């Protein structure tokens, strides 16, 4: 039986081209990435990662090294569900949810990539094979940009092939947010889809007022208007706000998504494989949403999420995130007429420039 021969955990820190701001995180100028590289006894490799804010990656890397590695090395790497459950059960008391979900995510993704590389199949076909072409939107992070720069960024997204664009909310006053959305809608015209993301900027009462004030701008959704675990608050806003809601990037377990969906609190569930425990639970969340008649979208890690969305029938949108790895991979995702296509390369298809990445290695 083939087994895992080596498991390497690497922490990187990348600078952003320019500082960007979102309400929950503040101004960001760097981000960290924890990478897991696997090689089996047949010499086949697999890789997976999770992305974090600065100074958070070292703790996640230690969890992988101290908890996950020993489980993975003695297991049959084809038994991904079994490995996932062992990692979860063995340390659920102290580690349920984040940051443990971040750690499992990198390992789980590497195992799926290894399987795809072994079988010479892309992930989207291994996971269900619905349709490789997925609608995509530009997940711009721009709260700190003045209006002219905000609109300039939207124009660049249109030139890059997007037909759906997201902007950030969460200015000190609602009047400022409304003015920025009005300028963006006028700039885009009626035929380009517009999403907004508040990044938990408001209390429920403020969020309801904002939703009602934003009704006239034909928004696809308002994302994360309030804190992520206020499921009853989401249900209240969804019932009374008049605009669809997206949420889930800050949920870390299937159970949390079940609670949000059961509460009637979301129109577009938005799991992020790097925060919810990897590909294995992401697919389950997508099927859970489908069982409730809901479309699924994604957050971050677009080069991998394109496969997951392409695997399920209820896919809605791929977020092409502001934090990309384009400079460090051979094939960047391409957007054509508003759509992205999952590649046919084996596994997740990301071919990393490992030598180039060394300049950003922390450990």
Foldseek 3Di string as FASTA:
>chain_A
DKAWDDKDKFKFKAAAPDWFQAQQPGIAGIKMKIKIWIAIPVGFIFMFIFIGHPPPVVVLSVCCVVQLPVLRRVDDLVPLVVSLVCSCVVPVVPCPFPPSLLNLAGVSLRSLLSVQRVVFWELLVVLAQAAQKAFAEEADGHPPPDLVVVLVVVVVRVVQAALEYEYEDQPPDLVVRLVSLVSNLVSNDDRRAYAYEHNARDDLVVLLVSLQSCQVSRHQEYENPHDQQPLLSLQVCCVRRNGFYEYACQGAELVSLVSNVVSNRHQEYEYESSRNRHDVVVLVSCVVCVVVVHAYEYDDPQLQVSSSLSRDDRHHYYHPYSDDPVVFWDDDWGHHNRMTGQDGGGYSPTHGPVVVSVVRTDD
